[in-house]
Amino acid sequence: MDENDLQNVQAAKVVDARGSACPGPLLEAKKAIGAVSVGEVIEVLSSDPSTKADLPRWAEKVGHEYLGVLSGEGYDRIFLKRLK
């Protein structure tokens, strides 16, 4: 997905993990993805730079779809779609 597509994604749940160090954002994402229906998207807000690499790897490993990342002012917005 390109940046314009990501801007228009409607997340079913937004997880604000800004200020949380690794593995906090990943643990929050794991919790949140279980709270949405299959096919829905979660958006994870994180100020930890390693989250950008951790979440796509985790999503691939457990069978969810990494949609992409948007960089904001001092934090990233990471989008994941629940596939199962």
PDB file of N, CA and C in Angstrom:
ATOM      1  N   MET A   1       0.844  -1.200   0.000  1.00  0.00           N
ATOM      2  CA  MET A   1       0.000   0.000   0.000  1.00  0.00           C
ATOM      3  C   MET A   1       0.875   1.244   0.000  1.00  0.00           C
ATOM      4  N   ASP A   2       0.474   2.237  -0.765  1.00  0.00           N
ATOM      5  CA  ASP A   2       1.277   3.457  -0.730  1.00  0.00           C
ATOM      6  C   ASP A   2       0.729   4.406   0.340  1.00  0.00           C
ATOM      7  N   GLU A   3       1.444   5.498   0.522  1.00  0.00           N
ATOM      8  CA  GLU A   3       1.119   6.426   1.613  1.00  0.00           C
ATOM      9  C   GLU A   3      -0.297   6.982   1.508  1.00  0.00           C
ATOM     10  N   ASN A   4      -0.751   7.294   0.281  1.00  0.00           N
ATOM     11  CA  ASN A   4      -2.108   7.832   0.114  1.00  0.00           C
ATOM     12  C   ASN A   4      -3.167   6.817   0.531  1.00  0.00           C
ATOM     13  N   ASP A   5      -2.950   5.540   0.177  1.00  0.00           N
ATOM     14  CA  ASP A   5      -3.886   4.494   0.578  1.00  0.00           C
ATOM     15  C   ASP A   5      -3.927   4.371   2.100  1.00  0.00           C
ATOM     16  N   LEU A   6      -2.754   4.404   2.727  1.00  0.00           N
ATOM     17  CA  LEU A   6      -2.698   4.266   4.188  1.00  0.00           C
ATOM     18  C   LEU A   6      -3.412   5.419   4.891  1.00  0.00           C
ATOM     19  N   GLN A   7      -3.325   6.619   4.321  1.00  0.00           N
ATOM     20  CA  GLN A   7      -3.998   7.777   4.917  1.00  0.00           C
ATOM     21  C   GLN A   7      -5.503   7.546   5.011  1.00  0.00           C
ATOM     22  N   ASN A   8      -6.047   6.731   4.089  1.00  0.00           N
ATOM     23  CA  ASN A   8      -7.487   6.505   4.021  1.00  0.00           C
ATOM     24  C   ASN A   8      -7.955   5.237   4.728  1.00  0.00           C
ATOM     25  N   VAL A   9      -7.019   4.494   5.306  1.00  0.00           N
ATOM     26  CA  VAL A   9      -7.390   3.259   6.004  1.00  0.00           C
ATOM     27  C   VAL A   9      -8.157   3.609   7.274  1.00  0.00           C
ATOM     28  N   GLN A  10      -9.301   2.941   7.442  1.00  0.00           N
ATOM     29  CA  GLN A  10     -10.084   3.119   8.665  1.00  0.00           C
ATOM     30  C   GLN A  10      -9.754   1.974   9.618  1.00  0.00           C
ATOM     31  N   ALA A  11      -9.036   2.280  10.678  1.00  0.00           N
ATOM     32  CA  ALA A  11      -8.662   1.248  11.644  1.00  0.00           C
ATOM     33  C   ALA A  11      -9.836   0.967  12.576  1.00  0.00           C
ATOM     34  N   ALA A  12     -10.077  -0.316  12.823  1.00  0.00           N
ATOM     35  CA  ALA A  12     -11.131  -0.713  13.760  1.00  0.00           C
ATOM     36  C   ALA A  12     -10.684  -0.416  15.181  1.00  0.00           C
ATOM     37  N   LYS A  13      -9.372  -0.404  15.401  1.00  0.00           N
ATOM     38  CA  LYS A  13      -8.826  -0.145  16.733  1.00  0.00           C
ATOM     39  C   LYS A  13      -7.492   0.565  16.581  1.00  0.00           C
ATOM     40  N   VAL A  14      -7.270   1.584  17.408  1.00  0.00           N
ATOM     41  CA  VAL A  14      -5.998   2.306  17.417  1.00  0.00           C
ATOM     42  C   VAL A  14      -5.329   2.022  18.764  1.00  0.00           C
ATOM     43  N   VAL A  15      -4.076   1.585  18.688  1.00  0.00           N
ATOM     44  CA  VAL A  15      -3.294   1.277  19.883  1.00  0.00           C
ATOM     45  C   VAL A  15      -2.244   2.368  20.038  1.00  0.00           C
ATOM     46  N   ASP A  16      -2.320   3.122  21.121  1.00  0.00           N
ATOM     47  CA  ASP A  16      -1.336   4.181  21.359  1.00  0.00           C
ATOM     48  C   ASP A  16      -0.241   3.640  22.271  1.00  0.00           C
ATOM     49  N   ALA A  17       0.861   3.207  21.650  1.00  0.00           N
ATOM     50  CA  ALA A  17       1.991   2.663  22.406  1.00  0.00           C
ATOM     51  C   ALA A  17       3.163   3.644  22.400  1.00  0.00           C
ATOM     52  N   ARG A  18       2.873   4.922  22.128  1.00  0.00           N
ATOM     53  CA  ARG A  18       3.942   5.928  22.137  1.00  0.00           C
ATOM     54  C   ARG A  18       4.513   6.021  23.543  1.00  0.00           C
ATOM     55  N   GLY A  19       5.835   6.110  23.632  1.00  0.00           N
ATOM     56  CA  GLY A  19       6.488   6.201  24.929  1.00  0.00           C
ATOM     57  C   GLY A  19       6.781   4.837  25.530  1.00  0.00           C
ATOM     58  N   SER A  20       6.294   3.794  24.906  1.00  0.00           N
ATOM     59  CA  SER A  20       6.523   2.430  25.379  1.00  0.00           C
ATOM     60  C   SER A  20       7.710   1.846  24.628  1.00  0.00           C
ATOM     61  N   ALA A  21       8.666   1.274  25.372  1.00  0.00           N
ATOM     62  CA  ALA A  21       9.841   0.680  24.735  1.00  0.00           C
ATOM     63  C   ALA A  21       9.562  -0.768  24.364  1.00  0.00           C
ATOM     64  N   CYS A  22      10.362  -1.279  23.450  1.00  0.00           N
ATOM     65  CA  CYS A  22      10.248  -2.667  23.023  1.00  0.00           C
ATOM     66  C   CYS A  22      10.346  -3.573  24.258  1.00  0.00           C
ATOM     67  N   PRO A  23       9.515  -4.585  24.400  1.00  0.00           N
ATOM     68  CA  PRO A  23       8.540  -5.120  23.461  1.00  0.00           C
ATOM     69  C   PRO A  23       7.122  -4.598  23.681  1.00  0.00           C
ATOM     70  N   GLY A  24       6.956  -3.486  24.391  1.00  0.00           N
ATOM     71  CA  GLY A  24       5.633  -2.948  24.697  1.00  0.00           C
ATOM     72  C   GLY A  24       4.704  -2.804  23.507  1.00  0.00           C
ATOM     73  N   PRO A  25       5.121  -2.105  22.439  1.00  0.00           N
ATOM     74  CA  PRO A  25       4.226  -1.941  21.285  1.00  0.00           C
ATOM     75  C   PRO A  25       3.801  -3.277  20.663  1.00  0.00           C
ATOM     76  N   LEU A  26       4.715  -4.232  20.616  1.00  0.00           N
ATOM     77  CA  LEU A  26       4.384  -5.549  20.057  1.00  0.00           C
ATOM     78  C   LEU A  26       3.351  -6.259  20.931  1.00  0.00           C
ATOM     79  N   LEU A  27       3.526  -6.196  22.240  1.00  0.00           N
ATOM     80  CA  LEU A  27       2.563  -6.830  23.151  1.00  0.00           C
ATOM     81  C   LEU A  27       1.192  -6.169  23.029  1.00  0.00           C
ATOM     82  N   GLU A  28       1.168  -4.854  22.887  1.00  0.00           N
ATOM     83  CA  GLU A  28      -0.096  -4.128  22.728  1.00  0.00           C
ATOM     84  C   GLU A  28      -0.773  -4.526  21.406  1.00  0.00           C
ATOM     85  N   ALA A  29       0.023  -4.688  20.342  1.00  0.00           N
ATOM     86  CA  ALA A  29      -0.519  -5.085  19.042  1.00  0.00           C
ATOM     87  C   ALA A  29      -1.119  -6.490  19.120  1.00  0.00           C
ATOM     88  N   LYS A  30      -0.434  -7.401  19.810  1.00  0.00           N
ATOM     89  CA  LYS A  30      -0.935  -8.775  19.964  1.00  0.00           C
ATOM     90  C   LYS A  30      -2.292  -8.768  20.656  1.00  0.00           C
ATOM     91  N   LYS A  31      -2.394  -7.944  21.702  1.00  0.00           N
ATOM     92  CA  LYS A  31      -3.653  -7.847  22.448  1.00  0.00           C
ATOM     93  C   LYS A  31      -4.760  -7.259  21.564  1.00  0.00           C
ATOM     94  N   ALA A  32      -4.431  -6.208  20.842  1.00  0.00           N
ATOM     95  CA  ALA A  32      -5.421  -5.474  20.049  1.00  0.00           C
ATOM     96  C   ALA A  32      -5.936  -6.291  18.875  1.00  0.00           C
ATOM     97  N   ILE A  33      -5.064  -7.058  18.238  1.00  0.00           N
ATOM     98  CA  ILE A  33      -5.496  -7.774  17.032  1.00  0.00           C
ATOM     99  C   ILE A  33      -6.508  -8.857  17.394  1.00  0.00           C
ATOM    100  N   GLY A  34      -6.438  -9.345  18.620  1.00  0.00           N
ATOM    101  CA  GLY A  34      -7.418 -10.319  19.075  1.00  0.00           C
ATOM    102  C   GLY A  34      -8.770  -9.707  19.371  1.00  0.00           C
ATOM    103  N   ALA A  35      -8.808  -8.387  19.473  1.00  0.00           N
ATOM    104  CA  ALA A  35     -10.043  -7.678  19.827  1.00  0.00           C
ATOM    105  C   ALA A  35     -10.818  -7.186  18.608  1.00  0.00           C
ATOM    106  N   VAL A  36     -10.264  -7.391  17.400  1.00  0.00           N
ATOM    107  CA  VAL A  36     -10.963  -6.973  16.179  1.00  0.00           C
ATOM    108  C   VAL A  36     -11.331  -8.203  15.365  1.00  0.00           C
ATOM    109  N   SER A  37     -12.273  -8.044  14.465  1.00  0.00           N
ATOM    110  CA  SER A  37     -12.724  -9.158  13.625  1.00  0.00           C
ATOM    111  C   SER A  37     -11.750  -9.414  12.490  1.00  0.00           C
ATOM    112  N   VAL A  38     -11.789 -10.641  11.961  1.00  0.00           N
ATOM    113  CA  VAL A  38     -10.974 -10.988  10.795  1.00  0.00           C
ATOM    114  C   VAL A  38     -11.324 -10.017   9.661  1.00  0.00           C
ATOM    115  N   GLY A  39     -10.301  -9.491   9.009  1.00  0.00           N
ATOM    116  CA  GLY A  39     -10.490  -8.529   7.924  1.00  0.00           C
ATOM    117  C   GLY A  39     -10.405  -7.084   8.379  1.00  0.00           C
ATOM    118  N   GLU A  40     -10.441  -6.859   9.701  1.00  0.00           N
ATOM    119  CA  GLU A  40     -10.339  -5.487  10.208  1.00  0.00           C
ATOM    120  C   GLU A  40      -8.874  -5.113  10.424  1.00  0.00           C
ATOM    121  N   VAL A  41      -8.645  -3.803  10.545  1.00  0.00           N
ATOM    122  CA  VAL A  41      -7.295  -3.257  10.641  1.00  0.00           C
ATOM    123  C   VAL A  41      -7.080  -2.640  12.020  1.00  0.00           C
ATOM    124  N   ILE A  42      -5.867  -2.855  12.552  1.00  0.00           N
ATOM    125  CA  ILE A  42      -5.461  -2.102  13.745  1.00  0.00           C
ATOM    126  C   ILE A  42      -4.349  -1.141  13.328  1.00  0.00           C
ATOM    127  N   GLU A  43      -4.297  -0.030  14.023  1.00  0.00           N
ATOM    128  CA  GLU A  43      -3.252   0.973  13.808  1.00  0.00           C
ATOM    129  C   GLU A  43      -2.481   1.094  15.111  1.00  0.00           C
ATOM    130  N   VAL A  44      -1.166   0.902  15.043  1.00  0.00           N
ATOM    131  CA  VAL A  44      -0.319   0.983  16.231  1.00  0.00           C
ATOM    132  C   VAL A  44       0.510   2.261  16.138  1.00  0.00           C
ATOM    133  N   LEU A  45       0.398   3.107  17.160  1.00  0.00           N
ATOM    134  CA  LEU A  45       1.208   4.324  17.238  1.00  0.00           C
ATOM    135  C   LEU A  45       2.405   4.001  18.120  1.00  0.00           C
ATOM    136  N   SER A  46       3.609   4.196  17.604  1.00  0.00           N
ATOM    137  CA  SER A  46       4.801   3.853  18.377  1.00  0.00           C
ATOM    138  C   SER A  46       5.924   4.849  18.140  1.00  0.00           C
ATOM    139  N   SER A  47       6.585   5.218  19.232  1.00  0.00           N
ATOM    140  CA  SER A  47       7.757   6.094  19.125  1.00  0.00           C
ATOM    141  C   SER A  47       9.051   5.283  19.208  1.00  0.00           C
ATOM    142  N   ASP A  48       8.939   3.968  19.362  1.00  0.00           N
ATOM    143  CA  ASP A  48      10.110   3.095  19.412  1.00  0.00           C
ATOM    144  C   ASP A  48      10.492   2.694  17.989  1.00  0.00           C
ATOM    145  N   PRO A  49      11.687   3.098  17.511  1.00  0.00           N
ATOM    146  CA  PRO A  49      12.069   2.841  16.127  1.00  0.00           C
ATOM    147  C   PRO A  49      12.079   1.354  15.755  1.00  0.00           C
ATOM    148  N   SER A  50      12.336   0.472  16.689  1.00  0.00           N
ATOM    149  CA  SER A  50      12.414  -0.951  16.350  1.00  0.00           C
ATOM    150  C   SER A  50      11.043  -1.551  16.043  1.00  0.00           C
ATOM    151  N   THR A  51       9.976  -0.864  16.437  1.00  0.00           N
ATOM    152  CA  THR A  51       8.628  -1.376  16.183  1.00  0.00           C
ATOM    153  C   THR A  51       8.359  -1.511  14.692  1.00  0.00           C
ATOM    154  N   LYS A  52       8.926  -0.589  13.886  1.00  0.00           N
ATOM    155  CA  LYS A  52       8.735  -0.631  12.428  1.00  0.00           C
ATOM    156  C   LYS A  52       9.220  -1.943  11.831  1.00  0.00           C
ATOM    157  N   ALA A  53      10.249  -2.538  12.421  1.00  0.00           N
ATOM    158  CA  ALA A  53      10.777  -3.815  11.939  1.00  0.00           C
ATOM    159  C   ALA A  53      10.098  -4.993  12.640  1.00  0.00           C
ATOM    160  N   ASP A  54       9.795  -4.832  13.928  1.00  0.00           N
ATOM    161  CA  ASP A  54       9.231  -5.932  14.722  1.00  0.00           C
ATOM    162  C   ASP A  54       7.830  -6.328  14.271  1.00  0.00           C
ATOM    163  N   LEU A  55       6.961  -5.348  14.048  1.00  0.00           N
ATOM    164  CA  LEU A  55       5.566  -5.677  13.731  1.00  0.00           C
ATOM    165  C   LEU A  55       5.397  -6.384  12.395  1.00  0.00           C
ATOM    166  N   PRO A  56       6.076  -5.970  11.321  1.00  0.00           N
ATOM    167  CA  PRO A  56       5.929  -6.732  10.068  1.00  0.00           C
ATOM    168  C   PRO A  56       6.402  -8.188  10.214  1.00  0.00           C
ATOM    169  N   ARG A  57       7.514  -8.395  10.940  1.00  0.00           N
ATOM    170  CA  ARG A  57       8.017  -9.758  11.143  1.00  0.00           C
ATOM    171  C   ARG A  57       7.019 -10.590  11.931  1.00  0.00           C
ATOM    172  N   TRP A  58       6.483 -10.006  12.989  1.00  0.00           N
ATOM    173  CA  TRP A  58       5.504 -10.715  13.809  1.00  0.00           C
ATOM    174  C   TRP A  58       4.251 -11.044  12.994  1.00  0.00           C
ATOM    175  N   ALA A  59       3.752 -10.071  12.235  1.00  0.00           N
ATOM    176  CA  ALA A  59       2.538 -10.276  11.444  1.00  0.00           C
ATOM    177  C   ALA A  59       2.730 -11.425  10.453  1.00  0.00           C
ATOM    178  N   GLU A  60       3.870 -11.449   9.789  1.00  0.00           N
ATOM    179  CA  GLU A  60       4.144 -12.509   8.816  1.00  0.00           C
ATOM    180  C   GLU A  60       4.222 -13.867   9.519  1.00  0.00           C
ATOM    181  N   LYS A  61       4.857 -13.893  10.667  1.00  0.00           N
ATOM    182  CA  LYS A  61       5.045 -15.140  11.400  1.00  0.00           C
ATOM    183  C   LYS A  61       3.717 -15.751  11.852  1.00  0.00           C
ATOM    184  N   VAL A  62       2.789 -14.897  12.287  1.00  0.00           N
ATOM    185  CA  VAL A  62       1.522 -15.416  12.837  1.00  0.00           C
ATOM    186  C   VAL A  62       0.371 -15.388  11.828  1.00  0.00           C
ATOM    187  N   GLY A  63       0.614 -14.871  10.612  1.00  0.00           N
ATOM    188  CA  GLY A  63      -0.397 -14.952   9.566  1.00  0.00           C
ATOM    189  C   GLY A  63      -1.324 -13.765   9.428  1.00  0.00           C
ATOM    190  N   HIS A  64      -0.865 -12.585   9.804  1.00  0.00           N
ATOM    191  CA  HIS A  64      -1.628 -11.365   9.573  1.00  0.00           C
ATOM    192  C   HIS A  64      -0.930 -10.561   8.481  1.00  0.00           C
ATOM    193  N   GLU A  65      -1.594  -9.528   7.963  1.00  0.00           N
ATOM    194  CA  GLU A  65      -1.032  -8.744   6.862  1.00  0.00           C
ATOM    195  C   GLU A  65      -0.518  -7.404   7.363  1.00  0.00           C
ATOM    196  N   TYR A  66       0.752  -7.140   7.065  1.00  0.00           N
ATOM    197  CA  TYR A  66       1.351  -5.830   7.337  1.00  0.00           C
ATOM    198  C   TYR A  66       0.994  -4.932   6.166  1.00  0.00           C
ATOM    199  N   LEU A  67       0.282  -3.837   6.435  1.00  0.00           N
ATOM    200  CA  LEU A  67      -0.152  -2.946   5.360  1.00  0.00           C
ATOM    201  C   LEU A  67       0.848  -1.832   5.079  1.00  0.00           C
ATOM    202  N   GLY A  68       1.595  -1.403   6.104  1.00  0.00           N
ATOM    203  CA  GLY A  68       2.569  -0.345   5.900  1.00  0.00           C
ATOM    204  C   GLY A  68       2.690   0.567   7.101  1.00  0.00           C
ATOM    205  N   VAL A  69       3.501   1.591   6.929  1.00  0.00           N
ATOM    206  CA  VAL A  69       3.781   2.527   8.015  1.00  0.00           C
ATOM    207  C   VAL A  69       3.746   3.959   7.484  1.00  0.00           C
ATOM    208  N   LEU A  70       3.217   4.852   8.296  1.00  0.00           N
ATOM    209  CA  LEU A  70       3.276   6.288   8.033  1.00  0.00           C
ATOM    210  C   LEU A  70       4.072   6.920   9.164  1.00  0.00           C
ATOM    211  N   SER A  71       5.049   7.746   8.827  1.00  0.00           N
ATOM    212  CA  SER A  71       5.829   8.414   9.860  1.00  0.00           C
ATOM    213  C   SER A  71       5.174   9.734  10.216  1.00  0.00           C
ATOM    214  N   GLY A  72       4.985   9.948  11.523  1.00  0.00           N
ATOM    215  CA  GLY A  72       4.382  11.186  12.008  1.00  0.00           C
ATOM    216  C   GLY A  72       5.427  12.029  12.699  1.00  0.00           C
ATOM    217  N   GLU A  73       4.972  12.941  13.512  1.00  0.00           N
ATOM    218  CA  GLU A  73       5.865  13.821  14.270  1.00  0.00           C
ATOM    219  C   GLU A  73       6.388  13.071  15.492  1.00  0.00           C
ATOM    220  N   GLY A  74       7.537  12.422  15.350  1.00  0.00           N
ATOM    221  CA  GLY A  74       8.144  11.738  16.477  1.00  0.00           C
ATOM    222  C   GLY A  74       7.594  10.348  16.754  1.00  0.00           C
ATOM    223  N   TYR A  75       6.731   9.864  15.888  1.00  0.00           N
ATOM    224  CA  TYR A  75       6.221   8.501  16.057  1.00  0.00           C
ATOM    225  C   TYR A  75       5.783   7.945  14.712  1.00  0.00           C
ATOM    226  N   ASP A  76       5.576   6.632  14.682  1.00  0.00           N
ATOM    227  CA  ASP A  76       5.125   5.955  13.469  1.00  0.00           C
ATOM    228  C   ASP A  76       3.719   5.429  13.658  1.00  0.00           C
ATOM    229  N   ARG A  77       2.978   5.365  12.548  1.00  0.00           N
ATOM    230  CA  ARG A  77       1.639   4.757  12.518  1.00  0.00           C
ATOM    231  C   ARG A  77       1.761   3.496  11.686  1.00  0.00           C
ATOM    232  N   ILE A  78       1.618   2.339  12.325  1.00  0.00           N
ATOM    233  CA  ILE A  78       1.815   1.051  11.673  1.00  0.00           C
ATOM    234  C   ILE A  78       0.459   0.363  11.547  1.00  0.00           C
ATOM    235  N   PHE A  79       0.171  -0.134  10.334  1.00  0.00           N
ATOM    236  CA  PHE A  79      -1.138  -0.714  10.046  1.00  0.00           C
ATOM    237  C   PHE A  79      -1.021  -2.215   9.806  1.00  0.00           C
ATOM    238  N   LEU A  80      -1.860  -2.983  10.500  1.00  0.00           N
ATOM    239  CA  LEU A  80      -1.902  -4.436  10.360  1.00  0.00           C
ATOM    240  C   LEU A  80      -3.332  -4.882  10.155  1.00  0.00           C
ATOM    241  N   LYS A  81      -3.516  -5.861   9.271  1.00  0.00           N
ATOM    242  CA  LYS A  81      -4.858  -6.408   9.034  1.00  0.00           C
ATOM    243  C   LYS A  81      -4.917  -7.828   9.594  1.00  0.00           C
ATOM    244  N   ARG A  82      -5.988  -8.085  10.367  1.00  0.00           N
ATOM    245  CA  ARG A  82      -6.174  -9.422  10.926  1.00  0.00           C
ATOM    246  C   ARG A  82      -6.687 -10.357   9.828  1.00  0.00           C
ATOM    247  N   LEU A  83      -5.968 -11.459   9.615  1.00  0.00           N
ATOM    248  CA  LEU A  83      -6.335 -12.398   8.563  1.00  0.00           C
ATOM    249  C   LEU A  83      -6.891 -13.716   9.075  1.00  0.00           C
ATOM    250  N   LYS A  84      -6.808 -13.960  10.389  1.00  0.00           N
ATOM    251  CA  LYS A  84      -7.356 -15.221  10.889  1.00  0.00           C
ATOM    252  C   LYS A  84      -7.853 -15.088  12.307  1.00  0.00           C
TER     253      LYS A  84
END
